[in-house]
Amino acid sequence: MTTFDDRERSFEAKFARDDELAFRVTARRNRLLGQWAAAEMRLTREEGDAYATALVHADLRGEGDDDVVRKLVGDMTAAGLDHDEATVRRALATQMIEARRQLMEAQ
Protein backbone atom coordinates (compact mmCIF):
# COMPACT_ATOMS: atom_id res chain seq x y z
CA MET A 1 0.00 0.00 0.00
CA THR A 2 2.88 2.43 0.62
CA THR A 3 4.02 2.16 -3.00
CA PHE A 4 0.61 3.36 -4.14
CA ASP A 5 0.69 6.20 -1.60
CA ASP A 6 4.18 7.20 -2.71
CA ARG A 7 3.07 7.27 -6.34
CA GLU A 8 0.06 9.37 -5.47
CA ARG A 9 2.21 11.88 -3.55
CA SER A 10 4.66 11.96 -6.44
CA PHE A 11 1.90 12.75 -8.95
CA GLU A 12 0.49 15.44 -6.67
CA ALA A 13 3.92 17.04 -6.29
CA LYS A 14 4.48 16.97 -10.06
CA PHE A 15 1.07 18.56 -10.63
CA ALA A 16 1.88 21.32 -8.13
CA ARG A 17 5.28 21.98 -9.78
CA ASP A 18 3.75 22.07 -13.26
CA ASP A 19 1.01 24.41 -12.08
CA GLU A 20 3.52 26.75 -10.45
CA LEU A 21 5.70 26.75 -13.57
CA ALA A 22 2.71 27.58 -15.77
CA PHE A 23 1.84 30.49 -13.48
CA ARG A 24 5.43 31.80 -13.55
CA VAL A 25 5.64 31.52 -17.35
CA THR A 26 2.36 33.41 -17.78
CA ALA A 27 3.41 36.14 -15.35
CA ARG A 28 6.77 36.51 -17.11
CA ARG A 29 5.04 36.56 -20.49
CA ASN A 30 2.70 39.31 -19.35
CA ARG A 31 5.61 41.37 -18.02
CA LEU A 32 7.46 40.99 -21.34
CA LEU A 33 4.26 41.81 -23.21
CA GLY A 34 3.79 44.91 -21.07
CA GLN A 35 7.34 46.01 -21.84
CA TRP A 36 6.71 45.47 -25.56
CA ALA A 37 3.49 47.48 -25.40
CA ALA A 38 5.17 50.24 -23.39
CA ALA A 39 7.88 50.54 -26.04
CA GLU A 40 5.22 50.64 -28.77
CA MET A 41 3.39 53.41 -26.89
CA ARG A 42 6.69 55.21 -26.26
CA LEU A 43 6.29 55.29 -22.50
CA THR A 44 9.18 56.26 -20.25
CA ARG A 45 11.09 53.51 -18.48
CA GLU A 46 9.25 54.16 -15.21
CA GLU A 47 5.88 54.28 -16.95
CA GLY A 48 6.76 51.10 -18.84
CA ASP A 49 7.67 49.25 -15.64
CA ALA A 50 4.41 50.35 -14.04
CA TYR A 51 2.47 49.35 -17.16
CA ALA A 52 4.09 45.89 -17.26
CA THR A 53 3.22 45.37 -13.59
CA ALA A 54 -0.37 46.49 -14.22
CA LEU A 55 -0.63 44.02 -17.08
CA VAL A 56 0.53 41.16 -14.84
CA HIS A 57 -2.14 42.13 -12.30
CA ALA A 58 -4.80 42.48 -15.01
CA ASP A 59 -4.31 38.82 -15.94
CA LEU A 60 -4.93 37.74 -12.35
CA ARG A 61 -8.51 39.01 -12.55
CA GLY A 62 -9.82 36.47 -15.03
CA GLU A 63 -9.30 33.18 -16.78
CA GLY A 64 -7.50 33.02 -20.08
CA ASP A 65 -5.79 35.69 -22.12
CA ASP A 66 -8.83 37.64 -23.27
CA ASP A 67 -8.63 40.19 -20.45
CA VAL A 68 -4.98 40.93 -21.25
CA VAL A 69 -5.68 41.21 -24.98
CA ARG A 70 -8.64 43.54 -24.40
CA LYS A 71 -6.56 45.76 -22.11
CA LEU A 72 -3.69 45.95 -24.58
CA VAL A 73 -5.87 46.66 -27.59
CA GLY A 74 -7.77 49.33 -25.67
CA ASP A 75 -4.64 50.99 -24.31
CA MET A 76 -2.90 50.93 -27.67
CA THR A 77 -5.95 52.35 -29.43
CA ALA A 78 -6.13 55.11 -26.80
CA ALA A 79 -2.44 55.83 -27.45
CA GLY A 80 -3.20 56.29 -31.15
CA LEU A 81 -1.66 53.02 -32.34
CA ASP A 82 -3.30 50.82 -34.93
CA HIS A 83 -2.65 47.46 -33.23
CA ASP A 84 -5.58 45.09 -33.61
CA GLU A 85 -6.30 41.92 -31.66
CA ALA A 86 -4.38 39.74 -34.13
CA THR A 87 -1.23 41.85 -33.69
CA VAL A 88 -1.51 41.65 -29.92
CA ARG A 89 -2.08 37.88 -30.01
CA ARG A 90 1.02 37.43 -32.20
CA ALA A 91 3.04 39.45 -29.69
CA LEU A 92 1.53 37.37 -26.89
CA ALA A 93 2.67 34.15 -28.59
CA THR A 94 6.15 35.54 -29.20
CA GLN A 95 6.50 36.66 -25.59
CA MET A 96 5.27 33.26 -24.35
CA ILE A 97 8.15 31.59 -26.16
CA GLU A 98 10.60 34.10 -24.72
CA ALA A 99 9.20 33.69 -21.19
CA ARG A 100 9.61 29.90 -21.37
CA ARG A 101 13.15 30.29 -22.68
CA GLN A 102 14.08 32.68 -19.89
CA LEU A 103 12.67 30.44 -17.17
CA MET A 104 14.33 27.34 -18.58
CA GLU A 105 17.68 29.14 -18.65
CA ALA A 106 17.19 30.28 -15.06
CA GLN A 107 16.70 26.70 -13.82
PDB file of N, CA and C in Angstrom:
ATOM      1  N   MET A   1       0.817  -1.194   0.000  1.00  0.00           N
ATOM      2  CA  MET A   1       0.000   0.000   0.000  1.00  0.00           C
ATOM      3  C   MET A   1       0.861   1.259   0.000  1.00  0.00           C
ATOM      4  N   THR A   2       2.043   1.229   0.571  1.00  0.00           N
ATOM      5  CA  THR A   2       2.878   2.430   0.615  1.00  0.00           C
ATOM      6  C   THR A   2       3.390   2.814  -0.762  1.00  0.00           C
ATOM      7  N   THR A   3       3.587   1.839  -1.643  1.00  0.00           N
ATOM      8  CA  THR A   3       4.021   2.159  -3.002  1.00  0.00           C
ATOM      9  C   THR A   3       2.954   2.978  -3.716  1.00  0.00           C
ATOM     10  N   PHE A   4       1.712   2.600  -3.539  1.00  0.00           N
ATOM     11  CA  PHE A   4       0.614   3.355  -4.136  1.00  0.00           C
ATOM     12  C   PHE A   4       0.562   4.767  -3.560  1.00  0.00           C
ATOM     13  N   ASP A   5       0.701   4.888  -2.253  1.00  0.00           N
ATOM     14  CA  ASP A   5       0.686   6.201  -1.599  1.00  0.00           C
ATOM     15  C   ASP A   5       1.856   7.066  -2.072  1.00  0.00           C
ATOM     16  N   ASP A   6       3.009   6.462  -2.225  1.00  0.00           N
ATOM     17  CA  ASP A   6       4.182   7.198  -2.713  1.00  0.00           C
ATOM     18  C   ASP A   6       3.956   7.694  -4.134  1.00  0.00           C
ATOM     19  N   ARG A   7       3.383   6.847  -4.963  1.00  0.00           N
ATOM     20  CA  ARG A   7       3.074   7.272  -6.341  1.00  0.00           C
ATOM     21  C   ARG A   7       2.078   8.409  -6.362  1.00  0.00           C
ATOM     22  N   GLU A   8       1.064   8.316  -5.529  1.00  0.00           N
ATOM     23  CA  GLU A   8       0.056   9.367  -5.465  1.00  0.00           C
ATOM     24  C   GLU A   8       0.692  10.692  -5.036  1.00  0.00           C
ATOM     25  N   ARG A   9       1.525  10.665  -4.011  1.00  0.00           N
ATOM     26  CA  ARG A   9       2.209  11.884  -3.550  1.00  0.00           C
ATOM     27  C   ARG A   9       3.133  12.423  -4.635  1.00  0.00           C
ATOM     28  N   SER A  10       3.769  11.550  -5.367  1.00  0.00           N
ATOM     29  CA  SER A  10       4.659  11.963  -6.443  1.00  0.00           C
ATOM     30  C   SER A  10       3.887  12.672  -7.554  1.00  0.00           C
ATOM     31  N   PHE A  11       2.740  12.112  -7.928  1.00  0.00           N
ATOM     32  CA  PHE A  11       1.900  12.747  -8.953  1.00  0.00           C
ATOM     33  C   PHE A  11       1.375  14.104  -8.477  1.00  0.00           C
ATOM     34  N   GLU A  12       0.984  14.175  -7.215  1.00  0.00           N
ATOM     35  CA  GLU A  12       0.490  15.442  -6.670  1.00  0.00           C
ATOM     36  C   GLU A  12       1.592  16.498  -6.661  1.00  0.00           C
ATOM     37  N   ALA A  13       2.794  16.100  -6.307  1.00  0.00           N
ATOM     38  CA  ALA A  13       3.924  17.037  -6.291  1.00  0.00           C
ATOM     39  C   ALA A  13       4.246  17.507  -7.704  1.00  0.00           C
ATOM     40  N   LYS A  14       4.212  16.596  -8.667  1.00  0.00           N
ATOM     41  CA  LYS A  14       4.475  16.973 -10.057  1.00  0.00           C
ATOM     42  C   LYS A  14       3.410  17.938 -10.559  1.00  0.00           C
ATOM     43  N   PHE A  15       2.155  17.661 -10.229  1.00  0.00           N
ATOM     44  CA  PHE A  15       1.072  18.556 -10.633  1.00  0.00           C
ATOM     45  C   PHE A  15       1.281  19.948 -10.048  1.00  0.00           C
ATOM     46  N   ALA A  16       1.654  20.027  -8.787  1.00  0.00           N
ATOM     47  CA  ALA A  16       1.882  21.318  -8.129  1.00  0.00           C
ATOM     48  C   ALA A  16       3.044  22.061  -8.783  1.00  0.00           C
ATOM     49  N   ARG A  17       4.133  21.346  -9.106  1.00  0.00           N
ATOM     50  CA  ARG A  17       5.282  21.984  -9.775  1.00  0.00           C
ATOM     51  C   ARG A  17       4.901  22.489 -11.160  1.00  0.00           C
ATOM     52  N   ASP A  18       4.176  21.674 -11.910  1.00  0.00           N
ATOM     53  CA  ASP A  18       3.749  22.067 -13.256  1.00  0.00           C
ATOM     54  C   ASP A  18       2.828  23.283 -13.210  1.00  0.00           C
ATOM     55  N   ASP A  19       1.932  23.294 -12.227  1.00  0.00           N
ATOM     56  CA  ASP A  19       1.006  24.409 -12.076  1.00  0.00           C
ATOM     57  C   ASP A  19       1.759  25.692 -11.717  1.00  0.00           C
ATOM     58  N   GLU A  20       2.710  25.592 -10.828  1.00  0.00           N
ATOM     59  CA  GLU A  20       3.518  26.754 -10.449  1.00  0.00           C
ATOM     60  C   GLU A  20       4.334  27.260 -11.637  1.00  0.00           C
ATOM     61  N   LEU A  21       4.918  26.349 -12.403  1.00  0.00           N
ATOM     62  CA  LEU A  21       5.704  26.747 -13.571  1.00  0.00           C
ATOM     63  C   LEU A  21       4.822  27.450 -14.600  1.00  0.00           C
ATOM     64  N   ALA A  22       3.628  26.941 -14.825  1.00  0.00           N
ATOM     65  CA  ALA A  22       2.708  27.580 -15.775  1.00  0.00           C
ATOM     66  C   ALA A  22       2.352  28.995 -15.315  1.00  0.00           C
ATOM     67  N   PHE A  23       2.135  29.173 -14.028  1.00  0.00           N
ATOM     68  CA  PHE A  23       1.836  30.494 -13.479  1.00  0.00           C
ATOM     69  C   PHE A  23       3.025  31.441 -13.686  1.00  0.00           C
ATOM     70  N   ARG A  24       4.225  30.956 -13.403  1.00  0.00           N
ATOM     71  CA  ARG A  24       5.426  31.797 -13.554  1.00  0.00           C
ATOM     72  C   ARG A  24       5.668  32.166 -15.014  1.00  0.00           C
ATOM     73  N   VAL A  25       5.461  31.232 -15.918  1.00  0.00           N
ATOM     74  CA  VAL A  25       5.644  31.521 -17.348  1.00  0.00           C
ATOM     75  C   VAL A  25       4.640  32.577 -17.801  1.00  0.00           C
ATOM     76  N   THR A  26       3.383  32.439 -17.383  1.00  0.00           N
ATOM     77  CA  THR A  26       2.362  33.405 -17.782  1.00  0.00           C
ATOM     78  C   THR A  26       2.660  34.786 -17.209  1.00  0.00           C
ATOM     79  N   ALA A  27       3.071  34.843 -15.955  1.00  0.00           N
ATOM     80  CA  ALA A  27       3.407  36.136 -15.352  1.00  0.00           C
ATOM     81  C   ALA A  27       4.599  36.777 -16.071  1.00  0.00           C
ATOM     82  N   ARG A  28       5.605  35.980 -16.389  1.00  0.00           N
ATOM     83  CA  ARG A  28       6.773  36.505 -17.114  1.00  0.00           C
ATOM     84  C   ARG A  28       6.363  36.968 -18.504  1.00  0.00           C
ATOM     85  N   ARG A  29       5.530  36.181 -19.162  1.00  0.00           N
ATOM     86  CA  ARG A  29       5.043  36.555 -20.491  1.00  0.00           C
ATOM     87  C   ARG A  29       4.313  37.893 -20.445  1.00  0.00           C
ATOM     88  N   ASN A  30       3.461  38.068 -19.449  1.00  0.00           N
ATOM     89  CA  ASN A  30       2.705  39.306 -19.347  1.00  0.00           C
ATOM     90  C   ASN A  30       3.617  40.500 -19.070  1.00  0.00           C
ATOM     91  N   ARG A  31       4.648  40.288 -18.270  1.00  0.00           N
ATOM     92  CA  ARG A  31       5.608  41.369 -18.017  1.00  0.00           C
ATOM     93  C   ARG A  31       6.325  41.737 -19.323  1.00  0.00           C
ATOM     94  N   LEU A  32       6.783  40.731 -20.057  1.00  0.00           N
ATOM     95  CA  LEU A  32       7.457  40.993 -21.339  1.00  0.00           C
ATOM     96  C   LEU A  32       6.504  41.661 -22.324  1.00  0.00           C
ATOM     97  N   LEU A  33       5.265  41.224 -22.330  1.00  0.00           N
ATOM     98  CA  LEU A  33       4.257  41.807 -23.208  1.00  0.00           C
ATOM     99  C   LEU A  33       4.003  43.265 -22.826  1.00  0.00           C
ATOM    100  N   GLY A  34       3.957  43.534 -21.538  1.00  0.00           N
ATOM    101  CA  GLY A  34       3.791  44.906 -21.066  1.00  0.00           C
ATOM    102  C   GLY A  34       4.958  45.792 -21.470  1.00  0.00           C
ATOM    103  N   GLN A  35       6.168  45.247 -21.412  1.00  0.00           N
ATOM    104  CA  GLN A  35       7.340  46.013 -21.837  1.00  0.00           C
ATOM    105  C   GLN A  35       7.292  46.282 -23.344  1.00  0.00           C
ATOM    106  N   TRP A  36       6.862  45.295 -24.114  1.00  0.00           N
ATOM    107  CA  TRP A  36       6.714  45.475 -25.560  1.00  0.00           C
ATOM    108  C   TRP A  36       5.699  46.573 -25.852  1.00  0.00           C
ATOM    109  N   ALA A  37       4.542  46.491 -25.181  1.00  0.00           N
ATOM    110  CA  ALA A  37       3.487  47.482 -25.402  1.00  0.00           C
ATOM    111  C   ALA A  37       3.950  48.868 -24.974  1.00  0.00           C
ATOM    112  N   ALA A  38       4.672  48.952 -23.873  1.00  0.00           N
ATOM    113  CA  ALA A  38       5.167  50.240 -23.391  1.00  0.00           C
ATOM    114  C   ALA A  38       6.124  50.855 -24.411  1.00  0.00           C
ATOM    115  N   ALA A  39       6.961  50.038 -25.009  1.00  0.00           N
ATOM    116  CA  ALA A  39       7.876  50.544 -26.043  1.00  0.00           C
ATOM    117  C   ALA A  39       7.089  51.016 -27.263  1.00  0.00           C
ATOM    118  N   GLU A  40       6.059  50.249 -27.638  1.00  0.00           N
ATOM    119  CA  GLU A  40       5.224  50.639 -28.772  1.00  0.00           C
ATOM    120  C   GLU A  40       4.515  51.971 -28.504  1.00  0.00           C
ATOM    121  N   MET A  41       4.092  52.181 -27.253  1.00  0.00           N
ATOM    122  CA  MET A  41       3.385  53.407 -26.888  1.00  0.00           C
ATOM    123  C   MET A  41       4.350  54.538 -26.510  1.00  0.00           C
ATOM    124  N   ARG A  42       5.635  54.232 -26.571  1.00  0.00           N
ATOM    125  CA  ARG A  42       6.692  55.211 -26.259  1.00  0.00           C
ATOM    126  C   ARG A  42       6.574  55.777 -24.850  1.00  0.00           C
ATOM    127  N   LEU A  43       6.347  54.888 -23.897  1.00  0.00           N
ATOM    128  CA  LEU A  43       6.294  55.291 -22.500  1.00  0.00           C
ATOM    129  C   LEU A  43       7.716  55.395 -21.948  1.00  0.00           C
ATOM    130  N   THR A  44       7.876  56.180 -20.898  1.00  0.00           N
ATOM    131  CA  THR A  44       9.180  56.265 -20.251  1.00  0.00           C
ATOM    132  C   THR A  44       9.482  54.936 -19.571  1.00  0.00           C
ATOM    133  N   ARG A  45      10.701  54.760 -19.136  1.00  0.00           N
ATOM    134  CA  ARG A  45      11.086  53.512 -18.475  1.00  0.00           C
ATOM    135  C   ARG A  45      10.237  53.261 -17.230  1.00  0.00           C
ATOM    136  N   GLU A  46      10.036  54.304 -16.430  1.00  0.00           N
ATOM    137  CA  GLU A  46       9.246  54.164 -15.207  1.00  0.00           C
ATOM    138  C   GLU A  46       7.785  53.846 -15.537  1.00  0.00           C
ATOM    139  N   GLU A  47       7.256  54.544 -16.527  1.00  0.00           N
ATOM    140  CA  GLU A  47       5.880  54.281 -16.950  1.00  0.00           C
ATOM    141  C   GLU A  47       5.754  52.869 -17.516  1.00  0.00           C
ATOM    142  N   GLY A  48       6.766  52.443 -18.265  1.00  0.00           N
ATOM    143  CA  GLY A  48       6.764  51.099 -18.840  1.00  0.00           C
ATOM    144  C   GLY A  48       6.798  50.020 -17.782  1.00  0.00           C
ATOM    145  N   ASP A  49       7.624  50.222 -16.743  1.00  0.00           N
ATOM    146  CA  ASP A  49       7.670  49.253 -15.643  1.00  0.00           C
ATOM    147  C   ASP A  49       6.320  49.168 -14.938  1.00  0.00           C
ATOM    148  N   ALA A  50       5.721  50.329 -14.695  1.00  0.00           N
ATOM    149  CA  ALA A  50       4.411  50.355 -14.042  1.00  0.00           C
ATOM    150  C   ALA A  50       3.353  49.699 -14.931  1.00  0.00           C
ATOM    151  N   TYR A  51       3.438  49.940 -16.226  1.00  0.00           N
ATOM    152  CA  TYR A  51       2.474  49.350 -17.158  1.00  0.00           C
ATOM    153  C   TYR A  51       2.621  47.830 -17.195  1.00  0.00           C
ATOM    154  N   ALA A  52       3.851  47.341 -17.236  1.00  0.00           N
ATOM    155  CA  ALA A  52       4.086  45.891 -17.259  1.00  0.00           C
ATOM    156  C   ALA A  52       3.549  45.246 -15.985  1.00  0.00           C
ATOM    157  N   THR A  53       3.748  45.886 -14.845  1.00  0.00           N
ATOM    158  CA  THR A  53       3.222  45.368 -13.586  1.00  0.00           C
ATOM    159  C   THR A  53       1.692  45.358 -13.601  1.00  0.00           C
ATOM    160  N   ALA A  54       1.095  46.421 -14.130  1.00  0.00           N
ATOM    161  CA  ALA A  54      -0.366  46.494 -14.219  1.00  0.00           C
ATOM    162  C   ALA A  54      -0.909  45.387 -15.118  1.00  0.00           C
ATOM    163  N   LEU A  55      -0.181  45.069 -16.174  1.00  0.00           N
ATOM    164  CA  LEU A  55      -0.627  44.017 -17.078  1.00  0.00           C
ATOM    165  C   LEU A  55      -0.576  42.650 -16.397  1.00  0.00           C
ATOM    166  N   VAL A  56       0.446  42.412 -15.595  1.00  0.00           N
ATOM    167  CA  VAL A  56       0.531  41.158 -14.837  1.00  0.00           C
ATOM    168  C   VAL A  56      -0.671  41.052 -13.904  1.00  0.00           C
ATOM    169  N   HIS A  57      -1.002  42.140 -13.221  1.00  0.00           N
ATOM    170  CA  HIS A  57      -2.141  42.130 -12.301  1.00  0.00           C
ATOM    171  C   HIS A  57      -3.466  42.009 -13.042  1.00  0.00           C
ATOM    172  N   ALA A  58      -3.554  42.568 -14.234  1.00  0.00           N
ATOM    173  CA  ALA A  58      -4.798  42.475 -15.012  1.00  0.00           C
ATOM    174  C   ALA A  58      -5.115  41.026 -15.351  1.00  0.00           C
ATOM    175  N   ASP A  59      -4.086  40.221 -15.586  1.00  0.00           N
ATOM    176  CA  ASP A  59      -4.313  38.821 -15.943  1.00  0.00           C
ATOM    177  C   ASP A  59      -4.781  38.011 -14.746  1.00  0.00           C
ATOM    178  N   LEU A  60      -4.517  38.480 -13.545  1.00  0.00           N
ATOM    179  CA  LEU A  60      -4.929  37.741 -12.355  1.00  0.00           C
ATOM    180  C   LEU A  60      -6.427  37.860 -12.096  1.00  0.00           C
ATOM    181  N   ARG A  61      -7.084  38.767 -12.788  1.00  0.00           N
ATOM    182  CA  ARG A  61      -8.507  39.013 -12.546  1.00  0.00           C
ATOM    183  C   ARG A  61      -9.423  38.025 -13.252  1.00  0.00           C
ATOM    184  N   GLY A  62      -8.942  37.354 -14.292  1.00  0.00           N
ATOM    185  CA  GLY A  62      -9.824  36.470 -15.034  1.00  0.00           C
ATOM    186  C   GLY A  62      -9.091  35.296 -15.633  1.00  0.00           C
ATOM    187  N   GLU A  63      -9.855  34.354 -16.126  1.00  0.00           N
ATOM    188  CA  GLU A  63      -9.304  33.180 -16.784  1.00  0.00           C
ATOM    189  C   GLU A  63      -8.920  33.505 -18.218  1.00  0.00           C
ATOM    190  N   GLY A  64      -7.892  32.880 -18.689  1.00  0.00           N
ATOM    191  CA  GLY A  64      -7.501  33.022 -20.084  1.00  0.00           C
ATOM    192  C   GLY A  64      -6.790  34.325 -20.382  1.00  0.00           C
ATOM    193  N   ASP A  65      -6.556  34.538 -21.662  1.00  0.00           N
ATOM    194  CA  ASP A  65      -5.785  35.690 -22.120  1.00  0.00           C
ATOM    195  C   ASP A  65      -6.656  36.837 -22.616  1.00  0.00           C
ATOM    196  N   ASP A  66      -7.949  36.633 -22.679  1.00  0.00           N
ATOM    197  CA  ASP A  66      -8.830  37.644 -23.268  1.00  0.00           C
ATOM    198  C   ASP A  66      -8.776  38.977 -22.531  1.00  0.00           C
ATOM    199  N   ASP A  67      -8.683  38.943 -21.198  1.00  0.00           N
ATOM    200  CA  ASP A  67      -8.634  40.194 -20.447  1.00  0.00           C
ATOM    201  C   ASP A  67      -7.358  40.981 -20.758  1.00  0.00           C
ATOM    202  N   VAL A  68      -6.249  40.277 -20.922  1.00  0.00           N
ATOM    203  CA  VAL A  68      -4.980  40.932 -21.254  1.00  0.00           C
ATOM    204  C   VAL A  68      -5.045  41.509 -22.668  1.00  0.00           C
ATOM    205  N   VAL A  69      -5.578  40.744 -23.600  1.00  0.00           N
ATOM    206  CA  VAL A  69      -5.679  41.212 -24.985  1.00  0.00           C
ATOM    207  C   VAL A  69      -6.583  42.438 -25.069  1.00  0.00           C
ATOM    208  N   ARG A  70      -7.731  42.384 -24.393  1.00  0.00           N
ATOM    209  CA  ARG A  70      -8.642  43.541 -24.399  1.00  0.00           C
ATOM    210  C   ARG A  70      -7.964  44.784 -23.833  1.00  0.00           C
ATOM    211  N   LYS A  71      -7.249  44.619 -22.723  1.00  0.00           N
ATOM    212  CA  LYS A  71      -6.561  45.758 -22.106  1.00  0.00           C
ATOM    213  C   LYS A  71      -5.522  46.334 -23.059  1.00  0.00           C
ATOM    214  N   LEU A  72      -4.726  45.474 -23.667  1.00  0.00           N
ATOM    215  CA  LEU A  72      -3.688  45.955 -24.582  1.00  0.00           C
ATOM    216  C   LEU A  72      -4.274  46.657 -25.800  1.00  0.00           C
ATOM    217  N   VAL A  73      -5.266  46.047 -26.408  1.00  0.00           N
ATOM    218  CA  VAL A  73      -5.874  46.659 -27.594  1.00  0.00           C
ATOM    219  C   VAL A  73      -6.481  48.014 -27.219  1.00  0.00           C
ATOM    220  N   GLY A  74      -7.179  48.074 -26.106  1.00  0.00           N
ATOM    221  CA  GLY A  74      -7.773  49.332 -25.668  1.00  0.00           C
ATOM    222  C   GLY A  74      -6.735  50.398 -25.369  1.00  0.00           C
ATOM    223  N   ASP A  75      -5.686  50.022 -24.655  1.00  0.00           N
ATOM    224  CA  ASP A  75      -4.643  50.985 -24.309  1.00  0.00           C
ATOM    225  C   ASP A  75      -3.884  51.462 -25.545  1.00  0.00           C
ATOM    226  N   MET A  76      -3.629  50.551 -26.457  1.00  0.00           N
ATOM    227  CA  MET A  76      -2.896  50.935 -27.666  1.00  0.00           C
ATOM    228  C   MET A  76      -3.764  51.803 -28.577  1.00  0.00           C
ATOM    229  N   THR A  77      -5.034  51.512 -28.652  1.00  0.00           N
ATOM    230  CA  THR A  77      -5.952  52.347 -29.429  1.00  0.00           C
ATOM    231  C   THR A  77      -6.011  53.743 -28.817  1.00  0.00           C
ATOM    232  N   ALA A  78      -6.094  53.815 -27.492  1.00  0.00           N
ATOM    233  CA  ALA A  78      -6.126  55.108 -26.796  1.00  0.00           C
ATOM    234  C   ALA A  78      -4.835  55.891 -27.017  1.00  0.00           C
ATOM    235  N   ALA A  79      -3.733  55.172 -27.214  1.00  0.00           N
ATOM    236  CA  ALA A  79      -2.443  55.825 -27.449  1.00  0.00           C
ATOM    237  C   ALA A  79      -2.262  56.209 -28.921  1.00  0.00           C
ATOM    238  N   GLY A  80      -3.262  55.917 -29.746  1.00  0.00           N
ATOM    239  CA  GLY A  80      -3.198  56.286 -31.153  1.00  0.00           C
ATOM    240  C   GLY A  80      -2.500  55.276 -32.045  1.00  0.00           C
ATOM    241  N   LEU A  81      -2.298  54.066 -31.537  1.00  0.00           N
ATOM    242  CA  LEU A  81      -1.664  53.020 -32.338  1.00  0.00           C
ATOM    243  C   LEU A  81      -2.719  52.164 -33.017  1.00  0.00           C
ATOM    244  N   ASP A  82      -2.377  51.639 -34.167  1.00  0.00           N
ATOM    245  CA  ASP A  82      -3.300  50.815 -34.934  1.00  0.00           C
ATOM    246  C   ASP A  82      -2.920  49.341 -34.768  1.00  0.00           C
ATOM    247  N   HIS A  83      -2.974  48.852 -33.524  1.00  0.00           N
ATOM    248  CA  HIS A  83      -2.655  47.457 -33.233  1.00  0.00           C
ATOM    249  C   HIS A  83      -3.960  46.736 -32.928  1.00  0.00           C
ATOM    250  N   ASP A  84      -4.334  45.819 -33.804  1.00  0.00           N
ATOM    251  CA  ASP A  84      -5.576  45.087 -33.608  1.00  0.00           C
ATOM    252  C   ASP A  84      -5.332  43.855 -32.731  1.00  0.00           C
ATOM    253  N   GLU A  85      -6.388  43.104 -32.515  1.00  0.00           N
ATOM    254  CA  GLU A  85      -6.301  41.925 -31.659  1.00  0.00           C
ATOM    255  C   GLU A  85      -5.321  40.891 -32.216  1.00  0.00           C
ATOM    256  N   ALA A  86      -5.289  40.722 -33.522  1.00  0.00           N
ATOM    257  CA  ALA A  86      -4.379  39.744 -34.133  1.00  0.00           C
ATOM    258  C   ALA A  86      -2.921  40.113 -33.877  1.00  0.00           C
ATOM    259  N   THR A  87      -2.597  41.389 -33.955  1.00  0.00           N
ATOM    260  CA  THR A  87      -1.231  41.847 -33.688  1.00  0.00           C
ATOM    261  C   THR A  87      -0.854  41.575 -32.239  1.00  0.00           C
ATOM    262  N   VAL A  88      -1.772  41.870 -31.342  1.00  0.00           N
ATOM    263  CA  VAL A  88      -1.509  41.652 -29.921  1.00  0.00           C
ATOM    264  C   VAL A  88      -1.364  40.163 -29.625  1.00  0.00           C
ATOM    265  N   ARG A  89      -2.184  39.332 -30.237  1.00  0.00           N
ATOM    266  CA  ARG A  89      -2.083  37.884 -30.010  1.00  0.00           C
ATOM    267  C   ARG A  89      -0.775  37.310 -30.570  1.00  0.00           C
ATOM    268  N   ARG A  90      -0.296  37.860 -31.678  1.00  0.00           N
ATOM    269  CA  ARG A  90       1.015  37.431 -32.201  1.00  0.00           C
ATOM    270  C   ARG A  90       2.123  37.806 -31.215  1.00  0.00           C
ATOM    271  N   ALA A  91       2.052  39.017 -30.679  1.00  0.00           N
ATOM    272  CA  ALA A  91       3.040  39.448 -29.687  1.00  0.00           C
ATOM    273  C   ALA A  91       2.942  38.583 -28.434  1.00  0.00           C
ATOM    274  N   LEU A  92       1.738  38.227 -28.052  1.00  0.00           N
ATOM    275  CA  LEU A  92       1.526  37.369 -26.892  1.00  0.00           C
ATOM    276  C   LEU A  92       2.204  36.015 -27.103  1.00  0.00           C
ATOM    277  N   ALA A  93       2.045  35.441 -28.283  1.00  0.00           N
ATOM    278  CA  ALA A  93       2.668  34.147 -28.586  1.00  0.00           C
ATOM    279  C   ALA A  93       4.186  34.254 -28.592  1.00  0.00           C
ATOM    280  N   THR A  94       4.703  35.332 -29.155  1.00  0.00           N
ATOM    281  CA  THR A  94       6.149  35.542 -29.197  1.00  0.00           C
ATOM    282  C   THR A  94       6.712  35.678 -27.788  1.00  0.00           C
ATOM    283  N   GLN A  95       6.025  36.446 -26.957  1.00  0.00           N
ATOM    284  CA  GLN A  95       6.503  36.656 -25.586  1.00  0.00           C
ATOM    285  C   GLN A  95       6.358  35.396 -24.736  1.00  0.00           C
ATOM    286  N   MET A  96       5.405  34.534 -25.065  1.00  0.00           N
ATOM    287  CA  MET A  96       5.268  33.263 -24.349  1.00  0.00           C
ATOM    288  C   MET A  96       6.495  32.391 -24.597  1.00  0.00           C
ATOM    289  N   ILE A  97       6.946  32.353 -25.832  1.00  0.00           N
ATOM    290  CA  ILE A  97       8.153  31.585 -26.163  1.00  0.00           C
ATOM    291  C   ILE A  97       9.354  32.144 -25.418  1.00  0.00           C
ATOM    292  N   GLU A  98       9.486  33.466 -25.411  1.00  0.00           N
ATOM    293  CA  GLU A  98      10.605  34.104 -24.715  1.00  0.00           C
ATOM    294  C   GLU A  98      10.538  33.865 -23.211  1.00  0.00           C
ATOM    295  N   ALA A  99       9.354  33.922 -22.636  1.00  0.00           N
ATOM    296  CA  ALA A  99       9.201  33.693 -21.194  1.00  0.00           C
ATOM    297  C   ALA A  99       9.618  32.269 -20.829  1.00  0.00           C
ATOM    298  N   ARG A 100       9.207  31.301 -21.623  1.00  0.00           N
ATOM    299  CA  ARG A 100       9.611  29.903 -21.368  1.00  0.00           C
ATOM    300  C   ARG A 100      11.116  29.754 -21.473  1.00  0.00           C
ATOM    301  N   ARG A 101      11.698  30.376 -22.505  1.00  0.00           N
ATOM    302  CA  ARG A 101      13.149  30.295 -22.682  1.00  0.00           C
ATOM    303  C   ARG A 101      13.877  30.879 -21.481  1.00  0.00           C
ATOM    304  N   GLN A 102      13.432  32.031 -21.021  1.00  0.00           N
ATOM    305  CA  GLN A 102      14.081  32.682 -19.886  1.00  0.00           C
ATOM    306  C   GLN A 102      13.979  31.835 -18.609  1.00  0.00           C
ATOM    307  N   LEU A 103      12.821  31.264 -18.371  1.00  0.00           N
ATOM    308  CA  LEU A 103      12.668  30.442 -17.168  1.00  0.00           C
ATOM    309  C   LEU A 103      13.453  29.151 -17.257  1.00  0.00           C
ATOM    310  N   MET A 104      13.535  28.580 -18.429  1.00  0.00           N
ATOM    311  CA  MET A 104      14.326  27.342 -18.580  1.00  0.00           C
ATOM    312  C   MET A 104      15.821  27.629 -18.371  1.00  0.00           C
ATOM    313  N   GLU A 105      16.280  28.770 -18.847  1.00  0.00           N
ATOM    314  CA  GLU A 105      17.677  29.136 -18.645  1.00  0.00           C
ATOM    315  C   GLU A 105      17.979  29.415 -17.185  1.00  0.00           C
ATOM    316  N   ALA A 106      16.995  29.932 -16.471  1.00  0.00           N
ATOM    317  CA  ALA A 106      17.190  30.279 -15.059  1.00  0.00           C
ATOM    318  C   ALA A 106      17.262  29.026 -14.169  1.00  0.00           C
ATOM    319  N   GLN A 107      16.729  27.918 -14.647  1.00  0.00           N
ATOM    320  CA  GLN A 107      16.705  26.699 -13.823  1.00  0.00           C
ATOM    321  C   GLN A 107      17.960  25.916 -13.940  1.00  0.00           C
TER     322      GLN A 107
END
